[in-house]
Amino acid sequence: MKKDNFCVIMAGGIGSRFWPLSSEKKPKQFLDILGTGRTLLQQTFDRFKKIIHTENIFIVTSSIYKNLVIEQIPKIKENQILLEPFRRNTAPCISYANNKIKIINPKANIIVAPSDHIILNENLLE
C-alpha cells in the first residue's frame, strides 16, 4: 500500500430514496440492507481498507451522522470524519474532502466512493 493513496467515502445522504427502511434518522448507508451483519458503510470501508491504509480513509458526512460513523467504524479516528458545513451534494463534498486531504498530503492520489453501493462477488475483482 502506498502512503500517498487516500479514499473518500461519501456518507451524507439523508435516507429519502429508500423509504420506509431508510429514514433521515438512519439513512441506508447505516443499514444492513442484505442481512450480512455489516452496513453498507461498513462494507465500503472494509472494501477499501484492503488497498488503502486505514488512516488514509476519510468519511464525509453530516454532523447529525457523526456518532453513527463512530459507532459503525470504530477503527476510524475523529479527524478522519469530515463533517460537511452544509449539504451541497456530490461535487462540493468531493471538493471539501480533497482540500482537507491536500493539507495532509499535497501528493495524494484520491479515490472517491459512495457509501451506499451494493457490490456482490467482490472476490471476482481480485
Protein backbone atom coordinates (compact mmCIF):
# COMPACT_ATOMS: atom_id res chain seq x y z
CA MET A 1 0.00 0.00 0.00
CA LYS A 2 1.27 3.44 -0.90
CA LYS A 3 1.24 6.26 1.65
CA ASP A 4 0.01 8.73 -0.99
CA ASN A 5 -3.20 6.80 -1.67
CA PHE A 6 -6.37 8.09 0.00
CA CYS A 7 -10.03 7.19 -0.07
CA VAL A 8 -13.02 9.45 0.49
CA ILE A 9 -16.28 7.70 1.35
CA MET A 10 -19.34 9.88 0.87
CA ALA A 11 -21.91 9.13 3.58
CA GLY A 12 -24.06 12.23 3.73
CA GLY A 13 -27.35 11.05 2.23
CA ILE A 14 -30.48 11.67 4.29
CA GLY A 15 -32.42 8.50 3.58
CA SER A 16 -35.11 9.87 1.29
CA ARG A 17 -34.76 7.33 -1.55
CA PHE A 18 -35.06 4.04 0.30
CA TRP A 19 -38.07 4.75 2.47
CA PRO A 20 -39.52 3.13 4.56
CA LEU A 21 -36.39 1.18 5.55
CA SER A 22 -34.24 4.26 5.35
CA SER A 23 -35.03 7.47 7.21
CA GLU A 24 -33.38 10.80 7.94
CA LYS A 25 -32.50 9.46 11.39
CA LYS A 26 -30.81 6.37 9.90
CA PRO A 27 -30.24 6.51 6.13
CA LYS A 28 -29.48 3.47 4.00
CA GLN A 29 -25.69 3.74 4.31
CA PHE A 30 -26.05 2.94 8.02
CA LEU A 31 -28.33 -0.08 7.45
CA ASP A 32 -27.55 -3.76 6.92
CA ILE A 33 -29.63 -3.98 3.75
CA LEU A 34 -28.59 -7.54 2.78
CA GLY A 35 -28.58 -9.07 6.26
CA THR A 36 -24.82 -9.73 6.16
CA GLY A 37 -24.13 -8.31 9.61
CA ARG A 38 -22.40 -5.29 8.02
CA THR A 39 -23.96 -2.00 6.97
CA LEU A 40 -23.35 -0.52 3.53
CA LEU A 41 -20.92 1.98 5.08
CA GLN A 42 -19.03 -0.81 6.87
CA GLN A 43 -18.86 -2.86 3.67
CA THR A 44 -17.46 0.12 1.77
CA PHE A 45 -14.87 0.76 4.48
CA ASP A 46 -13.93 -2.95 4.52
CA ARG A 47 -13.52 -2.93 0.74
CA PHE A 48 -11.08 -0.02 0.74
CA LYS A 49 -9.05 -0.92 3.83
CA LYS A 50 -7.72 -3.87 1.81
CA ILE A 51 -5.93 -1.49 -0.56
CA ILE A 52 -5.57 1.80 1.36
CA HIS A 53 -4.09 2.42 4.81
CA THR A 54 -6.90 2.82 7.34
CA GLU A 55 -5.55 6.21 8.42
CA ASN A 56 -5.93 7.40 4.79
CA ILE A 57 -9.64 6.64 4.60
CA PHE A 58 -11.90 9.62 5.21
CA ILE A 59 -15.67 9.65 5.58
CA VAL A 60 -17.60 12.77 4.62
CA THR A 61 -20.96 13.08 6.33
CA SER A 62 -23.29 15.45 8.09
CA SER A 63 -22.78 16.34 11.75
CA ILE A 64 -26.03 14.51 12.58
CA TYR A 65 -24.41 11.22 11.48
CA LYS A 66 -21.04 11.63 13.20
CA ASN A 67 -21.97 9.30 16.07
CA LEU A 68 -23.30 6.65 13.68
CA VAL A 69 -19.97 6.71 11.81
CA ILE A 70 -18.01 6.40 15.07
CA GLU A 71 -20.26 3.54 16.20
CA GLN A 72 -20.06 1.64 12.92
CA ILE A 73 -16.38 2.27 12.09
CA PRO A 74 -14.60 2.20 15.46
CA LYS A 75 -11.16 1.96 13.76
CA ILE A 76 -11.52 5.42 12.30
CA LYS A 77 -10.28 8.48 14.18
CA GLU A 78 -12.45 11.54 14.60
CA ASN A 79 -10.15 13.61 12.38
CA GLN A 80 -10.96 11.18 9.54
CA ILE A 81 -14.63 12.09 9.76
CA LEU A 82 -15.15 15.22 7.71
CA LEU A 83 -18.35 16.97 8.68
CA GLU A 84 -19.88 18.94 5.85
CA PRO A 85 -20.61 22.51 6.88
CA PHE A 86 -23.64 22.47 4.53
CA ARG A 87 -25.38 19.80 2.45
CA ARG A 88 -24.50 20.63 -1.12
CA ASN A 89 -24.45 17.26 -2.94
CA THR A 90 -21.60 15.37 -4.61
CA ALA A 91 -19.23 17.89 -6.24
CA PRO A 92 -18.89 20.19 -3.20
CA CYS A 93 -18.49 17.13 -0.95
CA ILE A 94 -15.58 15.89 -3.07
CA SER A 95 -14.02 19.35 -3.26
CA TYR A 96 -14.28 19.76 0.52
CA ALA A 97 -12.61 16.38 1.15
CA ASN A 98 -9.90 16.99 -1.47
CA ASN A 99 -8.99 20.31 0.14
CA LYS A 100 -8.74 18.69 3.58
CA ILE A 101 -6.55 15.86 2.23
CA LYS A 102 -4.33 18.26 0.26
CA ILE A 103 -3.35 19.90 3.55
CA ILE A 104 -2.26 16.49 4.87
CA ASN A 105 -0.55 15.30 1.69
CA PRO A 106 -0.21 17.53 -1.38
CA LYS A 107 0.83 14.46 -3.44
CA ALA A 108 -2.31 12.49 -2.54
CA ASN A 109 -3.97 10.17 -5.03
CA ILE A 110 -7.64 10.14 -4.10
CA ILE A 111 -10.43 7.73 -4.90
CA VAL A 112 -13.99 8.76 -4.05
CA ALA A 113 -16.75 6.24 -3.39
CA PRO A 114 -20.36 6.41 -2.30
CA SER A 115 -21.11 4.60 0.95
CA ASP A 116 -24.31 3.02 -0.27
CA HIS A 117 -23.34 0.84 -3.22
CA ILE A 118 -24.01 -2.85 -3.04
CA ILE A 119 -21.18 -4.84 -4.60
CA LEU A 120 -21.59 -8.59 -4.71
CA ASN A 121 -18.86 -11.11 -5.51
CA GLU A 122 -16.05 -8.71 -4.56
CA ASN A 123 -13.54 -11.53 -4.84
CA LEU A 124 -14.07 -11.63 -8.59
CA LEU A 125 -12.32 -8.24 -8.75
CA GLU A 126 -9.07 -9.55 -7.24
